[in-house]
């Protein structure tokens, strides 16, 4: 009786009220239920794939050089220690590029960004410094030819190794210790989280080392041509021998410095003039050739060396080709 009175007072039929109540309950339940949004698809930058591929090739190639020098007791001369340092630095650079790809898409955090950029800065800095150390060693081996093979040279080589790796590690630790742009994006360089000042220091340091290497290699060519001239005079075949040696020396100089400049100069100059507001494609386009230097280094400095060629042949086929065992090192092999 009371129920019918309530329905009549509302002025609405019972069926309408029941449908409305059910609708309200359904809306209340749906509003309380958690809304699941579709997860965004992982989009991989093609440039990052290319850098990761480059890092893989760098790691494999330089790992071979490191293993050859490490497992061959005869390759303990200062020159081979420096070549091993270069290969180790490039190996770490390749690993850094691979780790950067993994962290960028699987383990994104500020800590991983700092660790990755620290490893990359350390390894590439050690690579460039090792190239400078090899140039210094080649110059000393020609300028002080009589006293080069002494304990003093070995000690000096170890000092250079400690200094170059210590400096490189310090440069790599700067972003980790707080010199980064994670808190202030306006100070970022083209490579986040490096600051603009940090990138400028690295770029200026590279230009200084490039100028020093160029000057040393010019002096090396002068010494080689002078030695070749003296040898040619003694054997009375000045025209042919002196021309061939000069041409080889200049070709080697052009190969070493041309490759080094072509790989690193674009990124170095771009880092000086650009900042984080520039399109990232320019950063990728200039950084990629710099990684190619670590691919070319083993070819120029390791696989062209006769002793490393012999060790590699022994590992691969268990024998030394006659062409390698009979080949003598010429004065133009700088």
C-alpha atoms as a PDB file:
ATOM      1  CA  UNK A   1       0.000   0.000   0.000  1.00  0.00           C
ATOM      2  CA  UNK A   2       2.762   2.412   0.959  1.00  0.00           C
ATOM      3  CA  UNK A   3       4.816   1.294  -2.011  1.00  0.00           C
ATOM      4  CA  UNK A   4       1.997   2.046  -4.408  1.00  0.00           C
ATOM      5  CA  UNK A   5       1.554   5.438  -2.799  1.00  0.00           C
ATOM      6  CA  UNK A   6       5.174   6.299  -3.357  1.00  0.00           C
ATOM      7  CA  UNK A   7       4.976   5.356  -6.986  1.00  0.00           C
ATOM      8  CA  UNK A   8       1.796   7.398  -7.493  1.00  0.00           C
ATOM      9  CA  UNK A   9       3.309  10.419  -5.740  1.00  0.00           C
ATOM     10  CA  UNK A  10       6.309  10.386  -8.036  1.00  0.00           C
ATOM     11  CA  UNK A  11       4.060  10.508 -11.015  1.00  0.00           C
ATOM     12  CA  UNK A  12       6.215   7.976 -12.909  1.00  0.00           C
ATOM     13  CA  UNK A  13       5.511   4.371 -13.694  1.00  0.00           C
ATOM     14  CA  UNK A  14       7.354   1.657 -11.733  1.00  0.00           C
ATOM     15  CA  UNK A  15       9.039   0.228 -14.860  1.00  0.00           C
ATOM     16  CA  UNK A  16      10.651   3.583 -15.662  1.00  0.00           C
ATOM     17  CA  UNK A  17      12.003   3.945 -12.139  1.00  0.00           C
ATOM     18  CA  UNK A  18      13.479   0.435 -12.176  1.00  0.00           C
ATOM     19  CA  UNK A  19      15.244   1.057 -15.472  1.00  0.00           C
ATOM     20  CA  UNK A  20      16.637   4.383 -14.252  1.00  0.00           C
ATOM     21  CA  UNK A  21      17.882   2.824 -11.017  1.00  0.00           C
ATOM     22  CA  UNK A  22      19.643   0.058 -12.899  1.00  0.00           C
ATOM     23  CA  UNK A  23      21.253   2.624 -15.187  1.00  0.00           C
ATOM     24  CA  UNK A  24      22.508   4.658 -12.196  1.00  0.00           C
ATOM     25  CA  UNK A  25      23.956   1.583 -10.532  1.00  0.00           C
ATOM     26  CA  UNK A  26      25.711   0.593 -13.755  1.00  0.00           C
ATOM     27  CA  UNK A  27      27.171   4.089 -14.128  1.00  0.00           C
ATOM     28  CA  UNK A  28      28.385   4.087 -10.518  1.00  0.00           C
ATOM     29  CA  UNK A  29      30.082   0.719 -10.933  1.00  0.00           C
ATOM     30  CA  UNK A  30      31.742   1.762 -14.197  1.00  0.00           C
ATOM     31  CA  UNK A  31      32.998   4.997 -12.639  1.00  0.00           C
ATOM     32  CA  UNK A  32      34.672   3.074  -9.798  1.00  0.00           C
ATOM     33  CA  UNK A  33      36.268   0.481 -12.076  1.00  0.00           C
ATOM     34  CA  UNK A  34      39.887   1.272 -13.029  1.00  0.00           C
ATOM     35  CA  UNK A  35      40.314   2.551 -16.576  1.00  0.00           C
ATOM     36  CA  UNK A  36      43.038   0.667 -18.455  1.00  0.00           C
ATOM     37  CA  UNK A  37      44.629   2.710 -21.192  1.00  0.00           C
ATOM     38  CA  UNK A  38      46.464   0.933 -24.018  1.00  0.00           C
ATOM     39  CA  UNK A  39      50.225   0.935 -23.540  1.00  0.00           C
ATOM     40  CA  UNK A  40      52.077   3.098 -26.061  1.00  0.00           C
ATOM     41  CA  UNK A  41      54.100   1.204 -28.629  1.00  0.00           C
ATOM     42  CA  UNK A  42      57.893   1.331 -28.283  1.00  0.00           C
ATOM     43  CA  UNK A  43      59.204   3.414 -31.171  1.00  0.00           C
ATOM     44  CA  UNK A  44      62.907   2.863 -31.893  1.00  0.00           C
ATOM     45  CA  UNK A  45      64.893   5.645 -33.534  1.00  0.00           C
ATOM     46  CA  UNK A  46      66.655   4.288 -36.671  1.00  0.00           C
ATOM     47  CA  UNK A  47      69.713   6.395 -35.816  1.00  0.00           C
ATOM     48  CA  UNK A  48      70.006   4.576 -32.476  1.00  0.00           C
ATOM     49  CA  UNK A  49      69.899   1.249 -34.315  1.00  0.00           C
ATOM     50  CA  UNK A  50      72.737   2.386 -36.582  1.00  0.00           C
ATOM     51  CA  UNK A  51      74.789   3.542 -33.569  1.00  0.00           C
ATOM     52  CA  UNK A  52      74.182   0.241 -31.787  1.00  0.00           C
ATOM     53  CA  UNK A  53      75.215  -1.682 -34.898  1.00  0.00           C
ATOM     54  CA  UNK A  54      78.338   0.451 -35.152  1.00  0.00           C
ATOM     55  CA  UNK A  55      79.072  -0.247 -31.480  1.00  0.00           C
ATOM     56  CA  UNK A  56      78.747  -3.990 -32.049  1.00  0.00           C
ATOM     57  CA  UNK A  57      81.195  -3.900 -34.969  1.00  0.00           C
ATOM     58  CA  UNK A  58      83.616  -1.737 -32.949  1.00  0.00           C
ATOM     59  CA  UNK A  59      83.491  -4.150 -29.996  1.00  0.00           C
ATOM     60  CA  UNK A  60      84.083  -7.276 -32.077  1.00  0.00           C
ATOM     61  CA  UNK A  61      86.929  -5.794 -34.111  1.00  0.00           C
ATOM     62  CA  UNK A  62      88.842  -4.291 -31.202  1.00  0.00           C
ATOM     63  CA  UNK A  63      88.268  -7.320 -28.980  1.00  0.00           C
ATOM     64  CA  UNK A  64      90.332  -9.308 -31.488  1.00  0.00           C
ATOM     65  CA  UNK A  65      93.231  -6.833 -31.186  1.00  0.00           C
ATOM     66  CA  UNK A  66      93.063  -6.812 -27.374  1.00  0.00           C
ATOM     67  CA  UNK A  67      93.097 -10.619 -27.221  1.00  0.00           C
ATOM     68  CA  UNK A  68      96.012 -10.877 -29.665  1.00  0.00           C
ATOM     69  CA  UNK A  69      98.174  -8.446 -27.667  1.00  0.00           C
ATOM     70  CA  UNK A  70      97.124  -9.870 -24.290  1.00  0.00           C
ATOM     71  CA  UNK A  71      97.785 -13.524 -25.154  1.00  0.00           C
ATOM     72  CA  UNK A  72     101.031 -12.970 -27.090  1.00  0.00           C
ATOM     73  CA  UNK A  73     104.006 -12.440 -24.718  1.00  0.00           C
ATOM     74  CA  UNK A  74     106.198 -11.163 -27.564  1.00  0.00           C
ATOM     75  CA  UNK A  75     103.926  -8.123 -28.031  1.00  0.00           C
ATOM     76  CA  UNK A  76     105.044  -6.223 -24.948  1.00  0.00           C
ATOM     77  CA  UNK A  77     107.068  -3.438 -26.574  1.00  0.00           C
ATOM     78  CA  UNK A  78     105.941   0.162 -25.882  1.00  0.00           C
ATOM     79  CA  UNK A  79     104.380   0.420 -29.342  1.00  0.00           C
ATOM     80  CA  UNK A  80     102.155  -2.620 -28.727  1.00  0.00           C
ATOM     81  CA  UNK A  81     101.167  -1.408 -25.262  1.00  0.00           C
ATOM     82  CA  UNK A  82      99.899   1.821 -26.823  1.00  0.00           C
ATOM     83  CA  UNK A  83      98.109  -0.040 -29.618  1.00  0.00           C
ATOM     84  CA  UNK A  84      96.519  -2.225 -26.947  1.00  0.00           C
ATOM     85  CA  UNK A  85      95.434   0.883 -25.056  1.00  0.00           C
ATOM     86  CA  UNK A  86      93.836   2.247 -28.220  1.00  0.00           C
ATOM     87  CA  UNK A  87      92.038  -1.045 -28.884  1.00  0.00           C
ATOM     88  CA  UNK A  88      90.818  -1.248 -25.275  1.00  0.00           C
ATOM     89  CA  UNK A  89      89.484   2.318 -25.407  1.00  0.00           C
ATOM     90  CA  UNK A  90      87.669   1.628 -28.682  1.00  0.00           C
ATOM     91  CA  UNK A  91      86.324  -1.642 -27.271  1.00  0.00           C
ATOM     92  CA  UNK A  92      84.840   0.252 -24.307  1.00  0.00           C
ATOM     93  CA  UNK A  93      83.438   2.852 -26.712  1.00  0.00           C
ATOM     94  CA  UNK A  94      81.644   0.115 -28.641  1.00  0.00           C
ATOM     95  CA  UNK A  95      80.275  -1.359 -25.423  1.00  0.00           C
ATOM     96  CA  UNK A  96      79.155   2.120 -24.378  1.00  0.00           C
ATOM     97  CA  UNK A  97      77.150   2.541 -27.587  1.00  0.00           C
ATOM     98  CA  UNK A  98      75.454  -0.825 -27.036  1.00  0.00           C
ATOM     99  CA  UNK A  99      74.706  -0.051 -23.377  1.00  0.00           C
ATOM    100  CA  UNK A 100      73.328   3.344 -24.398  1.00  0.00           C
ATOM    101  CA  UNK A 101      70.835   1.648 -26.731  1.00  0.00           C
ATOM    102  CA  UNK A 102      69.748  -0.855 -24.070  1.00  0.00           C
ATOM    103  CA  UNK A 103      69.344   1.766 -21.339  1.00  0.00           C
ATOM    104  CA  UNK A 104      67.543   4.213 -23.644  1.00  0.00           C
ATOM    105  CA  UNK A 105      64.760   1.757 -24.447  1.00  0.00           C
ATOM    106  CA  UNK A 106      64.680  -0.692 -21.546  1.00  0.00           C
ATOM    107  CA  UNK A 107      66.061   0.957 -18.393  1.00  0.00           C
ATOM    108  CA  UNK A 108      65.338   4.658 -18.634  1.00  0.00           C
ATOM    109  CA  UNK A 109      66.469   6.671 -15.606  1.00  0.00           C
ATOM    110  CA  UNK A 110      68.738   9.583 -14.754  1.00  0.00           C
ATOM    111  CA  UNK A 111      71.311   7.247 -13.210  1.00  0.00           C
ATOM    112  CA  UNK A 112      71.604   5.122 -16.352  1.00  0.00           C
ATOM    113  CA  UNK A 113      71.954   8.242 -18.502  1.00  0.00           C
ATOM    114  CA  UNK A 114      74.854   9.490 -16.361  1.00  0.00           C
ATOM    115  CA  UNK A 115      76.569   6.090 -16.301  1.00  0.00           C
ATOM    116  CA  UNK A 116      76.258   5.706 -20.068  1.00  0.00           C
ATOM    117  CA  UNK A 117      77.520   9.184 -20.929  1.00  0.00           C
ATOM    118  CA  UNK A 118      80.384   8.752 -18.437  1.00  0.00           C
ATOM    119  CA  UNK A 119      81.469   5.505 -20.104  1.00  0.00           C
ATOM    120  CA  UNK A 120      81.223   6.976 -23.607  1.00  0.00           C
ATOM    121  CA  UNK A 121      83.156  10.151 -22.711  1.00  0.00           C
ATOM    122  CA  UNK A 122      85.863   8.134 -20.929  1.00  0.00           C
ATOM    123  CA  UNK A 123      86.317   5.638 -23.753  1.00  0.00           C
ATOM    124  CA  UNK A 124      86.359   8.105 -26.643  1.00  0.00           C
ATOM    125  CA  UNK A 125      88.674  10.455 -24.703  1.00  0.00           C
ATOM    126  CA  UNK A 126      91.043   7.540 -24.039  1.00  0.00           C
ATOM    127  CA  UNK A 127      90.881   6.602 -27.719  1.00  0.00           C
ATOM    128  CA  UNK A 128      91.900  10.078 -28.899  1.00  0.00           C
ATOM    129  CA  UNK A 129      94.590  10.337 -26.199  1.00  0.00           C
ATOM    130  CA  UNK A 130      95.951   6.924 -27.189  1.00  0.00           C
ATOM    131  CA  UNK A 131      96.249   8.126 -30.782  1.00  0.00           C
ATOM    132  CA  UNK A 132      98.282  11.078 -29.537  1.00  0.00           C
ATOM    133  CA  UNK A 133     100.450   8.768 -27.407  1.00  0.00           C
ATOM    134  CA  UNK A 134     101.116   6.525 -30.430  1.00  0.00           C
ATOM    135  CA  UNK A 135     102.158   9.589 -32.423  1.00  0.00           C
ATOM    136  CA  UNK A 136     104.545  10.682 -29.655  1.00  0.00           C
ATOM    137  CA  UNK A 137     106.002   7.164 -29.481  1.00  0.00           C
ATOM    138  CA  UNK A 138     106.585   7.067 -33.235  1.00  0.00           C
ATOM    139  CA  UNK A 139     108.291  10.431 -33.135  1.00  0.00           C
ATOM    140  CA  UNK A 140     110.576   9.389 -30.264  1.00  0.00           C
ATOM    141  CA  UNK A 141     111.428   6.088 -31.957  1.00  0.00           C
ATOM    142  CA  UNK A 142     112.816   8.031 -34.929  1.00  0.00           C
ATOM    143  CA  UNK A 143     114.260  11.098 -33.217  1.00  0.00           C
ATOM    144  CA  UNK A 144     116.012   9.051 -30.476  1.00  0.00           C
ATOM    145  CA  UNK A 145     116.590   5.923 -32.540  1.00  0.00           C
ATOM    146  CA  UNK A 146     119.773   4.884 -30.671  1.00  0.00           C
ATOM    147  CA  UNK A 147     118.316   5.122 -27.147  1.00  0.00           C
ATOM    148  CA  UNK A 148     114.695   4.281 -27.895  1.00  0.00           C
ATOM    149  CA  UNK A 149     114.930   0.602 -26.930  1.00  0.00           C
ATOM    150  CA  UNK A 150     115.772   1.208 -23.266  1.00  0.00           C
ATOM    151  CA  UNK A 151     114.134   0.989 -19.871  1.00  0.00           C
ATOM    152  CA  UNK A 152     113.572   4.729 -19.920  1.00  0.00           C
ATOM    153  CA  UNK A 153     111.261   4.349 -22.930  1.00  0.00           C
ATOM    154  CA  UNK A 154     109.239   1.621 -21.212  1.00  0.00           C
ATOM    155  CA  UNK A 155     108.864   3.764 -18.097  1.00  0.00           C
ATOM    156  CA  UNK A 156     107.828   6.767 -20.162  1.00  0.00           C
ATOM    157  CA  UNK A 157     105.234   4.619 -21.954  1.00  0.00           C
ATOM    158  CA  UNK A 158     103.682   3.506 -18.671  1.00  0.00           C
ATOM    159  CA  UNK A 159     103.607   7.114 -17.481  1.00  0.00           C
ATOM    160  CA  UNK A 160     101.793   8.134 -20.664  1.00  0.00           C
ATOM    161  CA  UNK A 161      99.282   5.313 -20.205  1.00  0.00           C
ATOM    162  CA  UNK A 162      98.558   6.278 -16.598  1.00  0.00           C
ATOM    163  CA  UNK A 163      98.168   9.939 -17.526  1.00  0.00           C
ATOM    164  CA  UNK A 164      95.908   9.394 -20.522  1.00  0.00           C
ATOM    165  CA  UNK A 165      93.614   6.948 -18.742  1.00  0.00           C
ATOM    166  CA  UNK A 166      93.561   9.060 -15.574  1.00  0.00           C
ATOM    167  CA  UNK A 167      92.608  12.155 -17.565  1.00  0.00           C
ATOM    168  CA  UNK A 168      89.959  10.256 -19.535  1.00  0.00           C
ATOM    169  CA  UNK A 169      88.377   8.795 -16.398  1.00  0.00           C
ATOM    170  CA  UNK A 170      88.261  12.246 -14.794  1.00  0.00           C
ATOM    171  CA  UNK A 171      86.497  13.652 -17.868  1.00  0.00           C
ATOM    172  CA  UNK A 172      84.012  10.786 -17.771  1.00  0.00           C
ATOM    173  CA  UNK A 173      83.301  11.301 -14.076  1.00  0.00           C
ATOM    174  CA  UNK A 174      82.387  14.981 -14.476  1.00  0.00           C
ATOM    175  CA  UNK A 175      78.762  14.322 -15.534  1.00  0.00           C
ATOM    176  CA  UNK A 176      78.352  11.647 -12.859  1.00  0.00           C
ATOM    177  CA  UNK A 177      79.654  13.946 -10.111  1.00  0.00           C
ATOM    178  CA  UNK A 178      77.164  16.690 -10.921  1.00  0.00           C
ATOM    179  CA  UNK A 179      78.445  18.573 -13.939  1.00  0.00           C
ATOM    180  CA  UNK A 180      75.371  17.780 -16.022  1.00  0.00           C
ATOM    181  CA  UNK A 181      72.228  19.514 -17.263  1.00  0.00           C
ATOM    182  CA  UNK A 182      69.574  17.223 -15.805  1.00  0.00           C
ATOM    183  CA  UNK A 183      68.368  19.967 -13.460  1.00  0.00           C
ATOM    184  CA  UNK A 184      68.686  22.857 -15.912  1.00  0.00           C
ATOM    185  CA  UNK A 185      67.907  21.934 -19.499  1.00  0.00           C
ATOM    186  CA  UNK A 186      68.895  25.367 -20.773  1.00  0.00           C
ATOM    187  CA  UNK A 187      72.577  24.493 -20.150  1.00  0.00           C
ATOM    188  CA  UNK A 188      72.452  21.264 -22.196  1.00  0.00           C
ATOM    189  CA  UNK A 189      74.752  20.669 -25.133  1.00  0.00           C
ATOM    190  CA  UNK A 190      73.935  18.673 -28.251  1.00  0.00           C
ATOM    191  CA  UNK A 191      74.600  15.520 -26.213  1.00  0.00           C
ATOM    192  CA  UNK A 192      72.331  15.385 -23.199  1.00  0.00           C
ATOM    193  CA  UNK A 193      73.150  15.354 -20.262  1.00  0.00           C
ATOM    194  CA  UNK A 194      76.519  16.990 -21.044  1.00  0.00           C
ATOM    195  CA  UNK A 195      76.548  20.718 -20.385  1.00  0.00           C
ATOM    196  CA  UNK A 196      77.527  23.205 -23.053  1.00  0.00           C
ATOM    197  CA  UNK A 197      80.725  24.072 -21.138  1.00  0.00           C
ATOM    198  CA  UNK A 198      81.671  20.407 -20.797  1.00  0.00           C
ATOM    199  CA  UNK A 199      81.209  19.815 -24.521  1.00  0.00           C
ATOM    200  CA  UNK A 200      83.225  22.934 -25.309  1.00  0.00           C
ATOM    201  CA  UNK A 201      86.134  21.718 -23.159  1.00  0.00           C
ATOM    202  CA  UNK A 202      86.116  18.343 -24.906  1.00  0.00           C
ATOM    203  CA  UNK A 203      85.970  19.978 -28.341  1.00  0.00           C
ATOM    204  CA  UNK A 204      88.791  22.437 -27.668  1.00  0.00           C
ATOM    205  CA  UNK A 205      90.918  19.622 -26.211  1.00  0.00           C
ATOM    206  CA  UNK A 206      90.378  17.597 -29.371  1.00  0.00           C
ATOM    207  CA  UNK A 207      91.395  20.501 -31.608  1.00  0.00           C
ATOM    208  CA  UNK A 208      94.554  20.993 -29.534  1.00  0.00           C
ATOM    209  CA  UNK A 209      95.481  17.290 -29.772  1.00  0.00           C
ATOM    210  CA  UNK A 210      94.752  17.254 -33.493  1.00  0.00           C
ATOM    211  CA  UNK A 211      97.101  20.205 -34.048  1.00  0.00           C
ATOM    212  CA  UNK A 212      99.798  18.525 -31.932  1.00  0.00           C
ATOM    213  CA  UNK A 213      99.441  15.230 -33.816  1.00  0.00           C
ATOM    214  CA  UNK A 214      99.640  17.018 -37.157  1.00  0.00           C
ATOM    215  CA  UNK A 215     102.825  18.814 -36.130  1.00  0.00           C
ATOM    216  CA  UNK A 216     104.418  15.592 -34.859  1.00  0.00           C
ATOM    217  CA  UNK A 217     103.566  13.658 -38.025  1.00  0.00           C
ATOM    218  CA  UNK A 218     105.040  16.422 -40.175  1.00  0.00           C
ATOM    219  CA  UNK A 219     108.252  16.135 -38.155  1.00  0.00           C
ATOM    220  CA  UNK A 220     108.123  12.338 -38.522  1.00  0.00           C
ATOM    221  CA  UNK A 221     107.871  12.644 -42.308  1.00  0.00           C
ATOM    222  CA  UNK A 222     110.832  15.025 -42.345  1.00  0.00           C
ATOM    223  CA  UNK A 223     112.945  12.587 -40.330  1.00  0.00           C
ATOM    224  CA  UNK A 224     111.929   9.623 -42.506  1.00  0.00           C
ATOM    225  CA  UNK A 225     112.734  11.492 -45.725  1.00  0.00           C
ATOM    226  CA  UNK A 226     116.093  12.613 -44.328  1.00  0.00           C
ATOM    227  CA  UNK A 227     116.979   9.014 -43.362  1.00  0.00           C
ATOM    228  CA  UNK A 228     115.858   7.725 -46.745  1.00  0.00           C
ATOM    229  CA  UNK A 229     117.939  10.394 -48.462  1.00  0.00           C
ATOM    230  CA  UNK A 230     121.042   9.369 -46.509  1.00  0.00           C
ATOM    231  CA  UNK A 231     120.491   5.685 -47.276  1.00  0.00           C
ATOM    232  CA  UNK A 232     119.943   6.444 -50.951  1.00  0.00           C
ATOM    233  CA  UNK A 233     123.185   8.428 -51.134  1.00  0.00           C
ATOM    234  CA  UNK A 234     125.103   5.540 -49.651  1.00  0.00           C
ATOM    235  CA  UNK A 235     123.681   3.062 -52.166  1.00  0.00           C
ATOM    236  CA  UNK A 236     123.765   5.442 -55.164  1.00  0.00           C
ATOM    237  CA  UNK A 237     120.078   5.189 -56.144  1.00  0.00           C
ATOM    238  CA  UNK A 238     118.856   8.539 -54.962  1.00  0.00           C
ATOM    239  CA  UNK A 239     116.122   9.283 -57.506  1.00  0.00           C
ATOM    240  CA  UNK A 240     113.983   6.153 -57.220  1.00  0.00           C
ATOM    241  CA  UNK A 241     114.386   5.302 -53.534  1.00  0.00           C
ATOM    242  CA  UNK A 242     113.990   8.839 -52.227  1.00  0.00           C
ATOM    243  CA  UNK A 243     110.887   9.433 -54.364  1.00  0.00           C
ATOM    244  CA  UNK A 244     109.241   6.161 -53.266  1.00  0.00           C
ATOM    245  CA  UNK A 245     109.963   6.756 -49.580  1.00  0.00           C
ATOM    246  CA  UNK A 246     108.715  10.336 -49.755  1.00  0.00           C
ATOM    247  CA  UNK A 247     105.536   9.263 -51.482  1.00  0.00           C
ATOM    248  CA  UNK A 248     104.891   6.495 -48.955  1.00  0.00           C
ATOM    249  CA  UNK A 249     105.501   8.812 -46.026  1.00  0.00           C
ATOM    250  CA  UNK A 250     103.164  11.484 -47.331  1.00  0.00           C
ATOM    251  CA  UNK A 251     100.520   8.871 -48.185  1.00  0.00           C
ATOM    252  CA  UNK A 252     100.670   7.420 -44.683  1.00  0.00           C
ATOM    253  CA  UNK A 253     100.440  10.885 -43.137  1.00  0.00           C
ATOM    254  CA  UNK A 254      97.442  11.741 -45.312  1.00  0.00           C
ATOM    255  CA  UNK A 255      95.755   8.444 -44.434  1.00  0.00           C
ATOM    256  CA  UNK A 256      96.201   8.824 -40.670  1.00  0.00           C
ATOM    257  CA  UNK A 257      95.416  12.513 -40.263  1.00  0.00           C
ATOM    258  CA  UNK A 258      92.805  12.614 -43.031  1.00  0.00           C
ATOM    259  CA  UNK A 259      90.855   9.750 -41.473  1.00  0.00           C
ATOM    260  CA  UNK A 260      91.131  11.247 -37.993  1.00  0.00           C
ATOM    261  CA  UNK A 261      89.971  14.688 -39.139  1.00  0.00           C
ATOM    262  CA  UNK A 262      87.161  13.389 -41.349  1.00  0.00           C
ATOM    263  CA  UNK A 263      85.750  11.301 -38.504  1.00  0.00           C
ATOM    264  CA  UNK A 264      85.997  13.716 -35.583  1.00  0.00           C
ATOM    265  CA  UNK A 265      86.058  17.237 -37.000  1.00  0.00           C
ATOM    266  CA  UNK A 266      82.332  17.494 -37.951  1.00  0.00           C
ATOM    267  CA  UNK A 267      81.109  16.535 -34.470  1.00  0.00           C
ATOM    268  CA  UNK A 268      83.769  18.666 -32.752  1.00  0.00           C
ATOM    269  CA  UNK A 269      82.855  21.840 -34.637  1.00  0.00           C
ATOM    270  CA  UNK A 270      79.130  21.142 -34.324  1.00  0.00           C
ATOM    271  CA  UNK A 271      79.461  20.741 -30.541  1.00  0.00           C
ATOM    272  CA  UNK A 272      81.086  24.170 -30.331  1.00  0.00           C
ATOM    273  CA  UNK A 273      78.410  26.084 -32.223  1.00  0.00           C
ATOM    274  CA  UNK A 274      75.206  24.138 -31.413  1.00  0.00           C
ATOM    275  CA  UNK A 275      73.154  23.394 -28.297  1.00  0.00           C
ATOM    276  CA  UNK A 276      70.140  21.337 -27.239  1.00  0.00           C
ATOM    277  CA  UNK A 277      67.717  23.447 -29.300  1.00  0.00           C
ATOM    278  CA  UNK A 278      69.167  22.192 -32.584  1.00  0.00           C
ATOM    279  CA  UNK A 279      67.454  19.221 -34.296  1.00  0.00           C
ATOM    280  CA  UNK A 280      68.773  15.890 -33.028  1.00  0.00           C
ATOM    281  CA  UNK A 281      69.303  14.621 -36.560  1.00  0.00           C
ATOM    282  CA  UNK A 282      72.331  16.918 -36.862  1.00  0.00           C
ATOM    283  CA  UNK A 283      73.815  15.399 -33.717  1.00  0.00           C
ATOM    284  CA  UNK A 284      73.344  11.866 -35.049  1.00  0.00           C
ATOM    285  CA  UNK A 285      74.712  12.805 -38.477  1.00  0.00           C
ATOM    286  CA  UNK A 286      77.939  14.222 -36.992  1.00  0.00           C
ATOM    287  CA  UNK A 287      78.351  11.697 -34.172  1.00  0.00           C
ATOM    288  CA  UNK A 288      78.100   8.630 -36.401  1.00  0.00           C
ATOM    289  CA  UNK A 289      81.309   9.395 -38.391  1.00  0.00           C
ATOM    290  CA  UNK A 290      83.133   9.842 -35.068  1.00  0.00           C
ATOM    291  CA  UNK A 291      82.257   6.259 -34.161  1.00  0.00           C
ATOM    292  CA  UNK A 292      83.653   5.097 -37.496  1.00  0.00           C
ATOM    293  CA  UNK A 293      87.093   6.223 -36.324  1.00  0.00           C
ATOM    294  CA  UNK A 294      87.027   3.402 -33.775  1.00  0.00           C
ATOM    295  CA  UNK A 295      86.250   0.966 -36.607  1.00  0.00           C
ATOM    296  CA  UNK A 296      89.123   2.232 -38.765  1.00  0.00           C
ATOM    297  CA  UNK A 297      91.737   2.459 -35.965  1.00  0.00           C
ATOM    298  CA  UNK A 298      92.469  -1.310 -35.803  1.00  0.00           C
ATOM    299  CA  UNK A 299      92.983  -1.377 -39.570  1.00  0.00           C
ATOM    300  CA  UNK A 300      95.455   1.526 -39.543  1.00  0.00           C
ATOM    301  CA  UNK A 301      97.359   0.837 -36.320  1.00  0.00           C
ATOM    302  CA  UNK A 302      96.994  -2.880 -35.591  1.00  0.00           C
ATOM    303  CA  UNK A 303      96.271  -4.995 -38.660  1.00  0.00           C
ATOM    304  CA  UNK A 304      98.894  -3.146 -40.760  1.00  0.00           C
ATOM    305  CA  UNK A 305     101.571  -4.092 -38.213  1.00  0.00           C
ATOM    306  CA  UNK A 306     103.703  -7.030 -39.285  1.00  0.00           C
ATOM    307  CA  UNK A 307     103.987  -8.614 -35.815  1.00  0.00           C
ATOM    308  CA  UNK A 308     100.238  -8.458 -35.212  1.00  0.00           C
ATOM    309  CA  UNK A 309      99.653  -9.917 -38.680  1.00  0.00           C
ATOM    310  CA  UNK A 310     101.916 -12.844 -37.779  1.00  0.00           C
ATOM    311  CA  UNK A 311     100.121 -13.410 -34.473  1.00  0.00           C
ATOM    312  CA  UNK A 312      96.734 -13.254 -36.202  1.00  0.00           C
ATOM    313  CA  UNK A 313      97.840 -15.763 -38.835  1.00  0.00           C
ATOM    314  CA  UNK A 314      99.101 -18.114 -36.132  1.00  0.00           C
ATOM    315  CA  UNK A 315      95.736 -17.932 -34.367  1.00  0.00           C
ATOM    316  CA  UNK A 316      93.661 -18.370 -37.532  1.00  0.00           C
ATOM    317  CA  UNK A 317      95.620 -20.952 -39.524  1.00  0.00           C
ATOM    318  CA  UNK A 318      98.549 -21.968 -37.293  1.00  0.00           C
ATOM    319  CA  UNK A 319     101.210 -20.778 -39.747  1.00  0.00           C
ATOM    320  CA  UNK A 320     102.975 -17.634 -40.936  1.00  0.00           C
ATOM    321  CA  UNK A 321     102.836 -16.855 -44.677  1.00  0.00           C
ATOM    322  CA  UNK A 322     106.268 -16.533 -46.346  1.00  0.00           C
ATOM    323  CA  UNK A 323     105.396 -13.001 -47.465  1.00  0.00           C
ATOM    324  CA  UNK A 324     105.168 -11.908 -43.830  1.00  0.00           C
ATOM    325  CA  UNK A 325     108.249 -13.744 -42.583  1.00  0.00           C
ATOM    326  CA  UNK A 326     110.454 -12.258 -45.325  1.00  0.00           C
ATOM    327  CA  UNK A 327     109.067  -8.730 -45.297  1.00  0.00           C
ATOM    328  CA  UNK A 328     111.301  -6.032 -43.805  1.00  0.00           C
ATOM    329  CA  UNK A 329     110.067  -2.813 -42.250  1.00  0.00           C
ATOM    330  CA  UNK A 330     110.915   0.235 -44.388  1.00  0.00           C
ATOM    331  CA  UNK A 331     111.700   3.720 -43.123  1.00  0.00           C
ATOM    332  CA  UNK A 332     108.432   5.010 -44.560  1.00  0.00           C
ATOM    333  CA  UNK A 333     106.285   2.773 -42.349  1.00  0.00           C
ATOM    334  CA  UNK A 334     105.351   5.567 -40.002  1.00  0.00           C
END
